[in-house]
Amino acid sequence: MGSHLANEFGANIARVALPLVAVLSLHASPLEVGALAALQSAAFLIISLPAGAWVDRMRKRRVMLVSDVARFLLLGSIPLTAALGLLSMPILYGVALLVGLAQVFNDVADVTYLPSLVGKDQLSDGNAKLEVIRNTGALAGPSLSGALVQLLGAPRTMLATALGALTSAILLGSIKKPDSRPPVSERSRLLPDIALGLRTVWADPVQRVFLAATAATNICISAVVSLSVLFLATVVQLPPGIIGVLLMSGAFGGLLGGLLGTWLFKTYGTARVTWLALTLTSPFGLLLPMTQSDWRVSCFAVTSIVLSFGAILFNIGMITYRQTVTPESMLGRVNATVRFIVLGTMPVGAMLGGIVAHEIGVREALWVFLTGRLISFLPLLFSRLPYMRDFAEVQAKS
């Protein structure tokens, strides 16, 4: 858990500090900042599928250690090159892309490694704790990044992110449980391995409805996120300080979901809570387009908190299901396949958000996409999930 905490804080500080390095130190243009942001996320689409096949052939903790060390060296190069007067946008582009590639391997190995550390009956609890850490990092990381940039300067702040990666590597190395070697029989050709991961996900009807619901949700939410700053700044006309608080409010819902997740899953059942979390929270999305600069500014915060709460519970349940029913030798490929499909919908949603807002207006576009978010749970109703309490029942019937 300590490794995850160091990792999440460092990653969330970097998400804010890296573009600030470009803007404050190199006076980057909007186009250059946009390219930098694109490179930070491009790795998930470039290498997610082969990363899953490779991770299944490797020791999971070793993959995470190498990833952490690589990110330490890459991020540490920014303050070093800045001190030497060599920092440039091409260097930032290269660091952003390579750090993203390392992060893909770390993320796939991370989700794949957990079942080997805890028993099947502890997976939902373990995933809930990880979500608490992720949302704590998302909540505190950007604020801490802003303070560090103001205190130390943007390039030196990158040293804090590098040290976070190094701390994560040290804590991973302290784990006493042996890092098991994958079976030799699993070492086959790359493309057939990727195809097997795709077939495994598609053959599972529960995985299919999870992916359908998640893809629909992510398209809509990505559109909303891409329009949120523009909506709050130009339509609602709020000052930057209030906009920052509102944009951060969703992390409170995610943190609450992580804290309550273990109790909810144990009390009401993993399968039941997973589909109900998305279903019952979706209607709250319709509050967001009602946001105004008076007391109705709370509509934005309520929507962010409630939707994040439901999304975290849904994600915990979806990940727990995958870890429960997927053989360990296949888990890397299955996790990578899901991440490729899920993350692949996000740039599509962001692009659609801009197109629709251009055609009909920002507030009207938010109504369109949050109505879509309202019905994104429908695929779950056409599965076995509404008739089940726990994922162990799904496993027993499959």
Protein backbone atom coordinates (compact mmCIF):
# COMPACT_ATOMS: atom_id res chain seq x y z
CA MET A 1 0.00 0.00 0.00
CA GLY A 2 2.89 2.36 0.74
CA SER A 3 4.20 1.80 -2.78
CA HIS A 4 0.83 2.74 -4.26
CA LEU A 5 0.62 5.86 -2.10
CA ALA A 6 4.05 7.09 -3.26
CA ASN A 7 3.19 6.22 -6.85
CA GLU A 8 -0.18 7.97 -6.90
CA PHE A 9 1.06 11.16 -5.24
CA GLY A 10 4.01 11.36 -7.62
CA ALA A 11 1.86 10.69 -10.70
CA ASN A 12 -0.77 13.28 -9.75
CA ILE A 13 1.87 15.90 -9.00
CA ALA A 14 3.42 15.19 -12.41
CA ARG A 15 0.11 15.63 -14.26
CA VAL A 16 0.00 19.25 -13.13
CA ALA A 17 3.72 20.01 -12.92
CA LEU A 18 4.72 18.73 -16.38
CA PRO A 19 2.53 21.15 -18.37
CA LEU A 20 3.54 23.91 -15.94
CA VAL A 21 7.20 23.23 -16.82
CA ALA A 22 6.28 23.70 -20.48
CA VAL A 23 4.33 26.90 -19.85
CA LEU A 24 6.44 28.60 -17.18
CA SER A 25 9.95 27.51 -18.19
CA LEU A 26 9.64 27.16 -21.96
CA HIS A 27 6.71 29.50 -22.68
CA ALA A 28 4.95 26.75 -24.63
CA SER A 29 2.05 27.62 -26.93
CA PRO A 30 -1.44 26.09 -26.47
CA LEU A 31 -0.69 23.74 -29.37
CA GLU A 32 2.52 22.54 -27.71
CA VAL A 33 0.76 22.02 -24.37
CA GLY A 34 -1.97 20.07 -26.16
CA ALA A 35 0.62 17.86 -27.85
CA LEU A 36 2.29 17.25 -24.48
CA ALA A 37 -1.04 16.17 -22.94
CA ALA A 38 -1.73 13.87 -25.90
CA LEU A 39 1.67 12.20 -25.55
CA GLN A 40 1.03 11.56 -21.83
CA SER A 41 -2.00 9.42 -22.67
CA ALA A 42 -0.99 8.07 -26.11
CA ALA A 43 0.91 5.14 -24.61
CA PHE A 44 -2.30 3.47 -23.43
CA LEU A 45 -3.50 3.10 -27.01
CA ILE A 46 -0.07 2.34 -28.47
CA ILE A 47 1.09 -0.48 -26.24
CA SER A 48 -1.69 -1.68 -23.90
CA LEU A 49 -2.45 -4.90 -25.83
CA PRO A 50 1.15 -6.14 -26.26
CA ALA A 51 1.94 -5.02 -22.69
CA GLY A 52 -0.65 -7.47 -21.38
CA ALA A 53 0.91 -10.37 -23.28
CA TRP A 54 4.41 -9.42 -22.11
CA VAL A 55 3.36 -8.99 -18.48
CA ASP A 56 1.87 -12.50 -18.48
CA ARG A 57 5.35 -13.80 -19.39
CA MET A 58 7.16 -11.88 -16.65
CA ARG A 59 7.39 -11.64 -12.86
CA LYS A 60 4.81 -8.99 -12.00
CA ARG A 61 6.70 -7.25 -9.18
CA ARG A 62 9.83 -7.09 -11.30
CA VAL A 63 7.86 -5.32 -14.07
CA MET A 64 6.61 -2.75 -11.55
CA LEU A 65 10.11 -2.24 -10.13
CA VAL A 66 11.64 -1.64 -13.57
CA SER A 67 8.79 0.72 -14.43
CA ASP A 68 9.31 2.74 -11.23
CA VAL A 69 13.07 2.99 -11.78
CA ALA A 70 12.55 4.05 -15.41
CA ARG A 71 10.12 6.78 -14.35
CA PHE A 72 12.54 7.95 -11.66
CA LEU A 73 15.31 8.40 -14.23
CA LEU A 74 13.07 9.99 -16.86
CA LEU A 75 11.36 12.46 -14.54
CA GLY A 76 14.64 13.24 -12.81
CA SER A 77 16.11 14.25 -16.16
CA ILE A 78 13.85 17.32 -16.29
CA PRO A 79 15.33 19.28 -13.36
CA LEU A 80 18.81 18.11 -14.43
CA THR A 81 18.49 19.38 -18.01
CA ALA A 82 16.84 22.59 -16.72
CA ALA A 83 19.81 23.24 -14.41
CA LEU A 84 22.20 22.69 -17.33
CA GLY A 85 20.21 25.01 -19.61
CA LEU A 86 19.37 22.14 -21.99
CA LEU A 87 15.64 21.71 -21.33
CA SER A 88 13.47 21.93 -24.47
CA MET A 89 10.05 20.89 -25.70
CA PRO A 90 11.41 17.84 -27.57
CA ILE A 91 12.89 16.61 -24.27
CA LEU A 92 9.53 17.11 -22.54
CA TYR A 93 7.76 15.30 -25.39
CA GLY A 94 10.13 12.37 -25.10
CA VAL A 95 9.81 12.18 -21.31
CA ALA A 96 6.01 12.37 -21.50
CA LEU A 97 5.79 9.51 -24.00
CA LEU A 98 8.34 7.25 -22.28
CA VAL A 99 6.87 7.84 -18.82
CA GLY A 100 3.47 6.95 -20.27
CA LEU A 101 4.86 3.70 -21.70
CA ALA A 102 6.37 2.80 -18.32
CA GLN A 103 3.07 3.63 -16.62
CA VAL A 104 1.16 1.26 -18.91
CA PHE A 105 3.35 -1.67 -17.85
CA ASN A 106 3.08 -0.62 -14.21
CA ASP A 107 -0.71 -0.39 -14.31
CA VAL A 108 -1.21 -3.74 -16.07
CA ALA A 109 1.22 -5.52 -13.75
CA ASP A 110 -0.30 -3.83 -10.69
CA VAL A 111 -3.85 -5.11 -11.29
CA THR A 112 -2.47 -8.52 -12.26
CA TYR A 113 -0.21 -8.79 -9.19
CA LEU A 114 -2.87 -8.22 -6.50
CA PRO A 115 -4.49 -11.71 -6.65
CA SER A 116 -1.11 -13.30 -5.91
CA LEU A 117 -0.79 -11.20 -2.73
CA VAL A 118 -4.29 -11.69 -1.29
CA GLY A 119 -6.86 -14.48 -1.36
CA LYS A 120 -9.88 -14.47 -3.69
CA ASP A 121 -12.15 -13.57 -0.77
CA GLN A 122 -10.09 -10.42 -0.07
CA LEU A 123 -9.97 -9.02 -3.59
CA SER A 124 -12.85 -6.55 -3.20
CA ASP A 125 -11.32 -5.27 0.06
CA GLY A 126 -7.89 -4.94 -1.57
CA ASN A 127 -9.28 -3.12 -4.61
CA ALA A 128 -11.30 -0.79 -2.37
CA LYS A 129 -8.16 0.15 -0.43
CA LEU A 130 -6.31 0.83 -3.67
CA GLU A 131 -9.15 3.11 -4.81
CA VAL A 132 -8.90 5.04 -1.54
CA ILE A 133 -5.21 5.61 -2.25
CA ARG A 134 -5.84 6.60 -5.88
CA ASN A 135 -8.50 9.12 -4.92
CA THR A 136 -6.42 10.49 -2.06
CA GLY A 137 -3.67 11.10 -4.60
CA ALA A 138 -6.14 12.66 -7.06
CA LEU A 139 -7.49 14.90 -4.30
CA ALA A 140 -4.22 16.05 -2.74
CA GLY A 141 -1.74 15.66 -5.62
CA PRO A 142 -2.81 18.66 -7.77
CA SER A 143 -3.01 20.98 -4.74
CA LEU A 144 0.40 19.81 -3.53
CA SER A 145 1.79 20.25 -7.02
CA GLY A 146 0.63 23.86 -7.16
CA ALA A 147 2.23 24.60 -3.79
CA LEU A 148 5.51 22.93 -4.78
CA VAL A 149 5.66 24.78 -8.10
CA GLN A 150 5.16 28.07 -6.29
CA LEU A 151 7.79 27.19 -3.68
CA LEU A 152 10.44 25.38 -5.74
CA GLY A 153 9.68 26.21 -9.36
CA ALA A 154 8.21 23.84 -11.95
CA PRO A 155 11.41 21.95 -12.96
CA ARG A 156 12.44 21.24 -9.37
CA THR A 157 8.91 20.02 -8.60
CA MET A 158 9.49 17.25 -11.11
CA LEU A 159 12.16 15.97 -8.74
CA ALA A 160 9.39 15.28 -6.20
CA THR A 161 7.57 13.12 -8.76
CA ALA A 162 10.80 11.28 -9.52
CA LEU A 163 11.37 10.62 -5.82
CA GLY A 164 7.82 9.28 -5.58
CA ALA A 165 8.65 6.68 -8.23
CA LEU A 166 11.91 5.79 -6.44
CA THR A 167 10.10 5.42 -3.10
CA SER A 168 7.56 3.14 -4.77
CA ALA A 169 10.38 0.95 -6.13
CA ILE A 170 12.05 0.72 -2.69
CA LEU A 171 8.78 -0.28 -0.99
CA LEU A 172 8.00 -2.85 -3.70
CA GLY A 173 11.44 -4.35 -3.16
CA SER A 174 10.68 -4.77 0.54
CA ILE A 175 7.76 -7.16 -0.08
CA LYS A 176 8.72 -10.52 1.40
CA LYS A 177 6.35 -12.76 -0.56
CA PRO A 178 8.20 -14.36 -3.53
CA ASP A 179 7.45 -12.97 -6.99
CA SER A 180 6.34 -16.14 -8.78
CA ARG A 181 7.69 -17.04 -12.22
CA PRO A 182 5.06 -17.51 -14.99
CA PRO A 183 4.66 -21.05 -16.38
CA VAL A 184 7.04 -21.76 -19.27
CA SER A 185 4.12 -23.12 -21.31
CA GLU A 186 2.66 -19.61 -21.51
CA ARG A 187 5.67 -18.24 -23.42
CA SER A 188 4.25 -18.23 -26.96
CA ARG A 189 4.09 -15.80 -29.87
CA LEU A 190 2.96 -12.22 -29.24
CA LEU A 191 0.08 -11.84 -31.72
CA PRO A 192 -1.64 -15.13 -30.77
CA ASP A 193 -1.29 -14.10 -27.11
CA ILE A 194 -2.99 -10.77 -27.79
CA ALA A 195 -5.73 -12.50 -29.80
CA LEU A 196 -6.30 -14.96 -26.95
CA GLY A 197 -6.77 -12.06 -24.53
CA LEU A 198 -9.35 -10.47 -26.85
CA ARG A 199 -11.21 -13.78 -27.28
CA THR A 200 -11.21 -14.44 -23.54
CA VAL A 201 -12.84 -11.10 -22.80
CA TRP A 202 -15.38 -11.43 -25.61
CA ALA A 203 -16.34 -14.99 -24.64
CA ASP A 204 -17.39 -13.91 -21.14
CA PRO A 205 -20.95 -12.44 -21.24
CA VAL A 206 -20.45 -10.56 -17.97
CA GLN A 207 -17.21 -9.00 -19.24
CA ARG A 208 -19.05 -7.97 -22.41
CA VAL A 209 -21.78 -6.06 -20.59
CA PHE A 210 -19.21 -4.50 -18.25
CA LEU A 211 -17.27 -3.22 -21.27
CA ALA A 212 -20.42 -1.98 -23.03
CA ALA A 213 -21.55 -0.04 -19.96
CA THR A 214 -18.05 1.31 -19.29
CA ALA A 215 -17.47 2.35 -22.91
CA ALA A 216 -20.80 4.20 -23.03
CA THR A 217 -20.11 5.86 -19.68
CA ASN A 218 -16.58 6.91 -20.63
CA ILE A 219 -17.63 8.44 -23.95
CA CYS A 220 -20.21 10.59 -22.18
CA ILE A 221 -18.07 11.51 -19.18
CA SER A 222 -15.03 12.31 -21.35
CA ALA A 223 -17.19 14.74 -23.32
CA VAL A 224 -18.42 16.33 -20.09
CA VAL A 225 -14.90 16.61 -18.65
CA SER A 226 -13.58 18.19 -21.86
CA LEU A 227 -16.29 20.87 -21.64
CA SER A 228 -16.31 21.45 -17.87
CA VAL A 229 -13.70 24.22 -17.64
CA LEU A 230 -15.18 26.03 -20.64
CA PHE A 231 -18.70 25.68 -19.17
CA LEU A 232 -17.75 26.96 -15.71
CA ALA A 233 -15.53 29.79 -16.97
CA THR A 234 -17.52 31.19 -19.92
CA VAL A 235 -21.12 30.03 -19.49
CA VAL A 236 -21.53 30.06 -15.70
CA GLN A 237 -18.76 32.73 -15.41
CA LEU A 238 -17.16 31.59 -12.17
CA PRO A 239 -13.76 32.79 -10.86
CA PRO A 240 -10.77 30.42 -11.21
CA GLY A 241 -10.63 29.63 -7.48
CA ILE A 242 -14.19 28.29 -7.40
CA ILE A 243 -13.65 26.42 -10.67
CA GLY A 244 -10.66 24.63 -9.11
CA VAL A 245 -12.70 23.57 -6.06
CA LEU A 246 -15.56 22.31 -8.22
CA LEU A 247 -13.28 20.33 -10.52
CA MET A 248 -11.69 18.68 -7.47
CA SER A 249 -15.01 17.80 -5.82
CA GLY A 250 -15.38 14.48 -7.63
CA ALA A 251 -12.36 13.12 -5.77
CA PHE A 252 -14.36 13.33 -2.52
CA GLY A 253 -16.97 10.99 -4.00
CA GLY A 254 -14.28 8.59 -5.17
CA LEU A 255 -12.64 8.62 -1.76
CA LEU A 256 -15.98 7.94 -0.07
CA GLY A 257 -16.66 5.06 -2.46
CA GLY A 258 -13.29 3.52 -1.67
CA LEU A 259 -13.82 3.88 2.09
CA LEU A 260 -17.32 2.38 2.06
CA GLY A 261 -16.67 -0.19 -0.65
CA THR A 262 -15.55 -3.07 1.57
CA TRP A 263 -18.56 -2.72 3.87
CA LEU A 264 -21.05 -2.38 1.01
CA PHE A 265 -19.70 -5.40 -0.87
CA LYS A 266 -19.72 -7.58 2.25
CA THR A 267 -23.17 -6.43 3.36
CA TYR A 268 -25.05 -6.46 0.05
CA GLY A 269 -22.89 -8.60 -2.26
CA THR A 270 -20.25 -7.83 -4.85
CA ALA A 271 -22.40 -8.43 -7.96
CA ARG A 272 -25.39 -6.54 -6.58
CA VAL A 273 -23.48 -3.44 -5.45
CA THR A 274 -21.52 -3.28 -8.72
CA TRP A 275 -24.49 -2.90 -11.05
CA LEU A 276 -26.61 -0.89 -8.63
CA ALA A 277 -23.78 1.62 -8.08
CA LEU A 278 -23.88 2.69 -11.72
CA THR A 279 -27.67 2.43 -12.04
CA LEU A 280 -28.71 4.40 -8.96
CA THR A 281 -26.19 7.24 -9.30
CA SER A 282 -26.69 7.93 -13.04
CA PRO A 283 -29.79 10.19 -12.68
CA PHE A 284 -27.78 12.68 -10.60
CA GLY A 285 -25.89 13.61 -13.75
CA LEU A 286 -28.86 15.65 -14.94
CA LEU A 287 -28.17 18.19 -12.19
CA LEU A 288 -24.90 19.37 -13.74
CA PRO A 289 -26.31 21.32 -16.73
CA MET A 290 -28.53 23.23 -14.24
CA THR A 291 -25.42 24.85 -12.70
CA GLN A 292 -25.61 28.64 -12.34
CA SER A 293 -23.49 31.24 -10.56
CA ASP A 294 -25.86 31.40 -7.56
CA TRP A 295 -26.73 28.61 -5.08
CA ARG A 296 -27.15 26.28 -8.06
CA VAL A 297 -23.37 26.13 -8.34
CA SER A 298 -23.82 23.22 -5.92
CA CYS A 299 -25.40 21.22 -8.77
CA PHE A 300 -21.95 20.74 -10.32
CA ALA A 301 -20.41 19.55 -7.03
CA VAL A 302 -23.30 17.18 -6.22
CA THR A 303 -23.11 15.62 -9.67
CA SER A 304 -19.33 15.18 -9.49
CA ILE A 305 -19.41 13.65 -6.01
CA VAL A 306 -22.30 11.24 -6.63
CA LEU A 307 -21.18 10.07 -10.08
CA SER A 308 -17.62 9.54 -8.82
CA PHE A 309 -18.95 7.59 -5.83
CA GLY A 310 -20.90 5.25 -8.12
CA ALA A 311 -18.09 4.96 -10.66
CA ILE A 312 -15.55 3.92 -8.03
CA LEU A 313 -17.83 1.19 -6.65
CA PHE A 314 -18.51 -0.01 -10.19
CA ASN A 315 -14.79 -0.06 -11.03
CA ILE A 316 -13.92 -1.95 -7.85
CA GLY A 317 -16.56 -4.55 -8.64
CA MET A 318 -15.56 -4.86 -12.30
CA ILE A 319 -11.88 -5.33 -11.44
CA THR A 320 -12.73 -7.81 -8.68
CA TYR A 321 -14.80 -9.84 -11.13
CA ARG A 322 -11.92 -10.02 -13.61
CA GLN A 323 -9.49 -11.07 -10.90
CA THR A 324 -11.95 -13.68 -9.61
CA VAL A 325 -12.80 -15.51 -12.83
CA THR A 326 -9.65 -15.07 -14.95
CA PRO A 327 -6.83 -17.63 -14.64
CA GLU A 328 -3.64 -16.02 -13.31
CA SER A 329 -1.75 -16.95 -16.48
CA MET A 330 -4.24 -14.91 -18.55
CA LEU A 331 -4.84 -11.97 -16.23
CA GLY A 332 -2.29 -9.61 -17.78
CA ARG A 333 -3.74 -10.01 -21.28
CA VAL A 334 -7.32 -9.66 -20.05
CA ASN A 335 -6.52 -6.55 -18.00
CA ALA A 336 -4.67 -4.98 -20.93
CA THR A 337 -7.52 -5.77 -23.34
CA VAL A 338 -10.06 -4.13 -21.05
CA ARG A 339 -7.86 -1.06 -20.52
CA PHE A 340 -7.30 -0.72 -24.28
CA ILE A 341 -11.04 -0.76 -25.01
CA VAL A 342 -12.03 1.42 -22.06
CA LEU A 343 -9.31 4.05 -22.52
CA GLY A 344 -9.78 4.03 -26.28
CA THR A 345 -13.27 5.51 -25.90
CA MET A 346 -12.07 8.53 -23.92
CA PRO A 347 -10.46 10.58 -26.72
CA VAL A 348 -13.52 9.78 -28.86
CA GLY A 349 -15.78 11.24 -26.18
CA ALA A 350 -13.62 14.34 -25.79
CA MET A 351 -13.68 14.95 -29.54
CA LEU A 352 -17.46 14.44 -29.73
CA GLY A 353 -17.92 16.87 -26.84
CA GLY A 354 -16.18 19.64 -28.75
CA ILE A 355 -18.07 18.93 -31.98
CA VAL A 356 -21.51 18.85 -30.34
CA ALA A 357 -20.80 21.96 -28.24
CA HIS A 358 -19.70 23.82 -31.36
CA GLU A 359 -22.96 22.92 -33.11
CA ILE A 360 -25.56 23.43 -30.37
CA GLY A 361 -23.83 25.19 -27.45
CA VAL A 362 -21.94 24.10 -24.33
CA ARG A 363 -24.83 23.77 -21.88
CA GLU A 364 -26.95 21.99 -24.48
CA ALA A 365 -24.10 19.56 -25.22
CA LEU A 366 -23.86 18.76 -21.50
CA TRP A 367 -27.56 17.88 -21.51
CA VAL A 368 -26.96 15.51 -24.44
CA PHE A 369 -24.01 13.67 -22.92
CA LEU A 370 -25.37 13.48 -19.38
CA THR A 371 -28.59 12.04 -20.76
CA GLY A 372 -26.38 9.46 -22.46
CA ARG A 373 -24.64 8.88 -19.13
CA LEU A 374 -28.07 8.34 -17.55
CA ILE A 375 -28.80 5.32 -19.76
CA SER A 376 -25.27 3.91 -19.90
CA PHE A 377 -26.14 1.27 -17.29
CA LEU A 378 -28.74 -0.43 -19.52
CA PRO A 379 -26.40 -3.22 -20.78
CA LEU A 380 -26.05 -4.39 -17.16
CA LEU A 381 -29.79 -5.08 -16.95
CA PHE A 382 -29.50 -7.62 -19.77
CA SER A 383 -26.98 -9.78 -17.92
CA ARG A 384 -27.01 -12.25 -15.04
CA LEU A 385 -25.85 -9.59 -12.59
CA PRO A 386 -29.30 -8.33 -11.42
CA TYR A 387 -30.17 -11.88 -10.37
CA MET A 388 -27.01 -12.52 -8.37
CA ARG A 389 -25.52 -11.45 -5.06
CA ASP A 390 -21.80 -12.26 -5.40
CA PHE A 391 -19.31 -12.92 -8.18
CA ALA A 392 -18.56 -16.33 -6.71
CA GLU A 393 -21.97 -17.38 -8.09
CA VAL A 394 -20.95 -16.24 -11.59
CA GLN A 395 -17.74 -18.23 -11.28
CA ALA A 396 -19.63 -21.34 -10.15
CA LYS A 397 -21.97 -21.20 -13.16
CA SER A 398 -19.29 -20.47 -15.77
